Protein backbone atom coordinates (compact mmCIF):
# COMPACT_ATOMS: atom_id res chain seq x y z
CA MET A 1 89.68 161.79 127.12
CA LYS A 2 93.39 161.07 126.90
CA ILE A 3 94.67 158.76 129.61
CA ILE A 4 98.42 158.94 130.16
CA ILE A 5 99.78 155.73 131.66
CA ILE A 6 103.20 155.89 133.28
CA SER A 7 105.18 153.20 135.07
CA ASP A 8 108.58 152.35 136.50
CA ILE A 9 109.83 155.87 137.15
CA HIS A 10 112.34 154.50 139.64
CA GLY A 11 113.34 157.77 141.24
CA ASN A 12 114.39 159.32 137.92
CA LEU A 13 113.30 162.92 138.31
CA GLU A 14 114.75 164.09 135.00
CA ALA A 15 112.78 161.49 133.06
CA LEU A 16 109.58 162.23 134.98
CA ASN A 17 109.88 165.95 134.33
CA SER A 18 110.26 165.27 130.60
CA VAL A 19 107.02 163.27 130.65
CA LEU A 20 105.22 166.05 132.50
CA GLU A 21 106.38 168.61 129.95
CA TYR A 22 104.90 166.40 127.21
CA ILE A 23 101.62 166.02 129.12
CA ASP A 24 101.32 169.77 129.62
CA LYS A 25 101.32 170.22 125.84
CA LEU A 26 98.55 167.68 125.22
CA GLU A 27 95.27 169.32 124.30
CA GLY A 28 91.87 168.34 125.66
CA GLU A 29 90.74 166.51 128.75
CA LYS A 30 93.36 164.21 130.24
CA ARG A 31 94.24 162.23 133.33
CA ILE A 32 97.21 160.23 134.58
CA VAL A 33 97.39 156.64 135.80
CA CYS A 34 100.60 155.32 137.36
CA LEU A 35 101.31 151.58 137.40
CA GLY A 36 103.82 151.67 140.24
CA ASP A 37 107.56 151.44 140.85
CA ILE A 38 107.85 155.17 141.33
CA VAL A 39 110.73 154.39 143.70
CA GLY A 40 113.77 152.11 143.59
CA TYR A 41 117.08 152.26 141.69
CA GLY A 42 117.12 156.03 141.14
CA PRO A 43 118.32 159.02 143.20
CA ASN A 44 115.04 160.95 143.72
CA PRO A 45 112.40 158.52 145.05
CA GLU A 46 110.79 160.92 147.51
CA GLU A 47 110.56 163.79 145.02
CA CYS A 48 109.13 161.54 142.30
CA PHE A 49 106.55 159.99 144.61
CA LYS A 50 105.33 163.34 145.85
CA ILE A 51 104.95 164.63 142.29
CA VAL A 52 102.97 161.61 141.07
CA ASP A 53 100.83 161.53 144.21
CA SER A 54 99.96 165.20 143.65
CA LEU A 55 98.89 164.55 140.06
CA THR A 56 96.69 161.48 140.39
CA ASP A 57 94.79 159.28 142.83
CA ASN A 58 95.25 156.36 140.42
CA ILE A 59 98.50 154.70 141.50
CA CYS A 60 99.05 150.94 141.59
CA LEU A 61 101.42 149.20 143.96
CA GLY A 62 104.69 148.17 142.31
CA ASN A 63 107.10 145.55 143.58
CA HIS A 64 109.63 148.24 144.54
CA GLU A 65 107.05 150.05 146.65
CA ASP A 66 106.20 146.70 148.19
CA ALA A 67 109.89 146.07 148.85
CA THR A 68 110.23 149.30 150.80
CA MET A 69 107.66 147.89 153.22
CA ASN A 70 108.92 144.30 153.37
CA THR A 71 112.52 143.33 154.11
CA ASP A 72 111.85 139.79 152.85
CA TYR A 73 112.50 141.17 149.38
CA ASP A 74 116.13 141.77 150.35
CA TYR A 75 116.80 138.07 149.86
CA GLN A 76 114.98 137.79 146.53
CA ILE A 77 116.46 140.62 144.45
CA THR A 78 119.82 141.44 142.88
CA THR A 79 122.64 143.00 144.87
CA SER A 80 122.29 146.38 143.17
CA ALA A 81 118.51 146.41 143.64
CA ARG A 82 118.93 145.45 147.30
CA LYS A 83 121.40 148.27 147.95
CA ALA A 84 119.08 150.74 146.23
CA ILE A 85 115.96 149.62 148.07
CA ARG A 86 117.68 149.79 151.47
CA TRP A 87 118.86 153.31 150.62
CA THR A 88 115.34 154.19 149.48
CA ARG A 89 113.84 153.00 152.79
CA GLU A 90 116.05 155.49 154.60
CA ILE A 91 115.22 158.35 152.22
CA LEU A 92 111.43 158.02 152.12
CA GLU A 93 109.40 160.09 154.55
CA GLU A 94 106.97 158.36 156.89
CA LYS A 95 104.02 160.07 155.20
CA THR A 96 105.09 158.57 151.87
CA LYS A 97 105.44 155.13 153.42
CA GLU A 98 101.94 155.40 154.83
CA THR A 99 100.62 156.29 151.39
CA ILE A 100 102.45 153.31 149.87
CA LYS A 101 100.76 150.98 152.36
CA ARG A 102 97.37 152.02 150.96
CA LEU A 103 98.18 151.54 147.26
CA PRO A 104 96.01 148.95 145.48
CA LEU A 105 97.41 146.05 143.48
CA LYS A 106 95.11 146.89 140.59
CA ILE A 107 92.66 149.50 139.35
CA VAL A 108 89.62 148.66 137.21
CA ASP A 109 87.78 151.35 135.27
CA ASP A 110 85.19 150.73 132.52
CA ASN A 111 86.46 147.23 131.61
CA ILE A 112 90.07 148.47 131.59
CA LEU A 113 92.52 146.95 134.05
CA TYR A 114 95.60 148.79 135.30
CA VAL A 115 98.20 146.72 137.13
CA HIS A 116 101.95 146.82 137.66
CA ALA A 117 103.03 143.38 136.45
CA SER A 118 100.39 141.13 134.87
CA PRO A 119 96.60 140.72 134.96
CA ASP A 120 96.82 137.16 136.28
CA ASN A 121 98.21 136.80 139.81
CA PRO A 122 99.55 140.37 140.07
CA ARG A 123 101.24 139.60 143.40
CA GLN A 124 103.61 137.17 141.69
CA TRP A 125 105.15 140.06 139.74
CA ASN A 126 105.35 138.11 136.47
CA TYR A 127 107.00 139.86 133.52
CA ILE A 128 105.36 140.57 130.17
CA SER A 129 108.23 141.21 127.79
CA ASN A 130 107.15 139.45 124.60
CA THR A 131 104.29 137.77 122.77
CA ARG A 132 104.67 134.48 124.63
CA ASP A 133 104.49 136.15 128.03
CA ALA A 134 101.47 138.18 126.93
CA TYR A 135 99.58 135.24 125.43
CA SER A 136 99.49 133.23 128.64
CA SER A 137 98.12 136.29 130.47
CA LEU A 138 95.63 137.10 127.71
CA ILE A 139 94.09 133.63 128.03
CA GLU A 140 93.26 134.29 131.68
CA MET A 141 92.38 137.96 131.31
CA GLU A 142 88.78 138.99 132.00
CA HIS A 143 88.95 142.55 130.68
CA SER A 144 89.08 143.96 127.17
CA LEU A 145 92.21 145.99 127.89
CA CYS A 146 95.01 145.86 130.41
CA PHE A 147 97.92 148.24 130.93
CA VAL A 148 101.08 146.89 132.59
CA GLY A 149 104.69 147.88 133.20
CA HIS A 150 107.28 146.00 135.30
CA SER A 151 109.40 144.44 132.52
CA HIS A 152 110.52 147.85 131.17
CA HIS A 153 109.87 146.47 127.65
CA PRO A 154 107.07 148.36 125.83
CA GLY A 155 104.73 146.45 123.54
CA ILE A 156 101.16 145.97 122.30
CA TYR A 157 99.73 142.43 122.40
CA SER A 158 96.24 141.40 121.29
CA TYR A 159 94.63 137.99 121.63
CA HIS A 160 93.04 137.84 118.16
CA SER A 161 94.47 140.77 116.20
CA LYS A 162 98.07 140.91 115.00
CA GLN A 163 99.59 144.27 115.84
CA GLU A 164 101.85 145.22 112.95
CA ASN A 165 102.99 148.43 114.64
CA ASN A 166 104.20 147.82 118.16
CA SER A 167 104.06 151.48 119.14
CA LYS A 168 100.63 152.61 117.91
CA ALA A 169 97.33 150.81 117.40
CA THR A 170 93.56 151.13 117.14
CA LEU A 171 92.11 148.58 119.55
CA SER A 172 88.89 146.57 119.57
CA LYS A 173 86.58 146.24 122.56
CA ASP A 174 85.68 142.78 121.21
CA ASP A 175 89.29 141.61 121.54
CA LYS A 176 91.61 141.35 124.54
CA THR A 177 94.77 143.48 124.54
CA ILE A 178 97.68 143.99 126.91
CA ILE A 179 99.71 147.19 126.59
CA ASN A 180 103.11 147.23 128.24
CA VAL A 181 103.84 150.93 128.59
CA GLY A 182 107.56 150.42 129.23
CA SER A 183 109.56 152.41 131.74
CA VAL A 184 109.85 156.13 132.35
CA GLY A 185 112.97 155.91 134.46
CA GLN A 186 114.94 152.85 133.40
CA PRO A 187 114.26 151.58 129.83
CA ARG A 188 115.59 148.09 129.09
CA ASP A 189 114.81 147.52 125.44
CA GLY A 190 118.12 148.79 124.08
CA SER A 191 117.13 152.45 123.87
CA PRO A 192 117.80 155.10 126.53
CA LYS A 193 114.60 156.91 125.53
CA LEU A 194 111.95 156.91 128.24
CA SER A 195 108.63 155.21 127.52
CA PHE A 196 104.96 155.64 128.45
CA ALA A 197 101.54 155.33 126.79
CA VAL A 198 98.74 157.69 125.78
CA PHE A 199 95.30 156.11 125.40
CA ASP A 200 92.32 157.85 123.78
CA ASP A 201 89.31 156.21 125.44
CA ASP A 202 86.90 157.71 122.89
CA LYS A 203 88.66 156.38 119.79
CA TRP A 204 90.26 153.42 121.59
CA GLU A 205 93.62 154.35 120.13
CA VAL A 206 96.88 153.89 121.98
CA GLU A 207 100.38 155.16 121.34
CA ILE A 208 103.59 154.26 123.13
CA VAL A 209 105.57 157.48 123.34
CA ARG A 210 109.38 157.58 123.48
CA LEU A 211 111.22 160.71 124.57
CA GLU A 212 114.81 161.73 125.12
CA TYR A 213 115.83 163.22 128.46
CA ASP A 214 119.02 164.23 130.26
CA TYR A 215 120.03 160.83 131.57
CA HIS A 216 123.59 162.09 132.10
CA LYS A 217 122.29 164.25 134.93
CA THR A 218 120.50 161.27 136.50
CA MET A 219 123.65 159.15 136.15
CA ALA A 220 125.70 161.75 138.01
CA LYS A 221 123.14 161.93 140.82
CA ILE A 222 123.13 158.13 141.21
CA LYS A 223 126.90 158.16 141.64
CA GLU A 224 126.78 161.12 144.03
CA ALA A 225 124.33 159.18 146.20
CA ASN A 226 126.79 156.26 146.32
CA LEU A 227 124.26 153.96 144.71
CA PRO A 228 125.69 151.14 142.54
CA HIS A 229 127.34 152.62 139.45
CA SER A 230 125.75 149.89 137.33
CA LEU A 231 122.39 151.57 137.93
CA ALA A 232 123.79 154.71 136.34
CA GLU A 233 125.55 153.08 133.41
CA ARG A 234 122.51 151.13 132.28
CA LEU A 235 120.60 154.36 131.65
CA ALA A 236 122.97 155.24 128.81
CA ILE A 237 122.40 151.96 126.98
CA GLY A 238 118.79 151.24 127.85
CA ASN A 239 119.48 147.87 129.42
């Protein structure tokens, strides 16, 4: 089966639709897992949440979902993120908020862990952006494989094996590996291309997929919603 792991959509409907078009073309049995942060930053949080919720029961809680439920975050995040999350609270329907309250911090399936931020202390929302970040988490990790998002920086990190190709790899069940799937809706690794992962659980092969999408349309919608313009401009530079 192909497992498609998406994360950090951040209300970017155009990016999400591009991912769904890709998924529709995949042959064989498949399912979707979402690592959270469907909302926040972007102009279509309600639409994006409804779509993902209709496609899968496997959705982890992200820090932006958590922030919609907890105003304490308002004093811990950047000005632009705070403005966006307050706007998002007003936009989200009560039914969506009730669903968010029930989202788990992590999902475990057949020795594979799915979590928004990191396998160790997921509530602390630690970032995995590079080998050093990953190594400290790999030491503590109890599972053979973990998929994360949160940092918006895609990467493949194994405890014993050196991954020469950071976008595609054949994994070992005898090793420990963390896959950062990157961000669908707000890439931050210098490329505006959206990012997600496809995992073949029969072959234990993973690929980080990058796709172009119409970010100009998303940028215009962010500005029309009177959200911070910086949230629009960063989509064009992937930062």
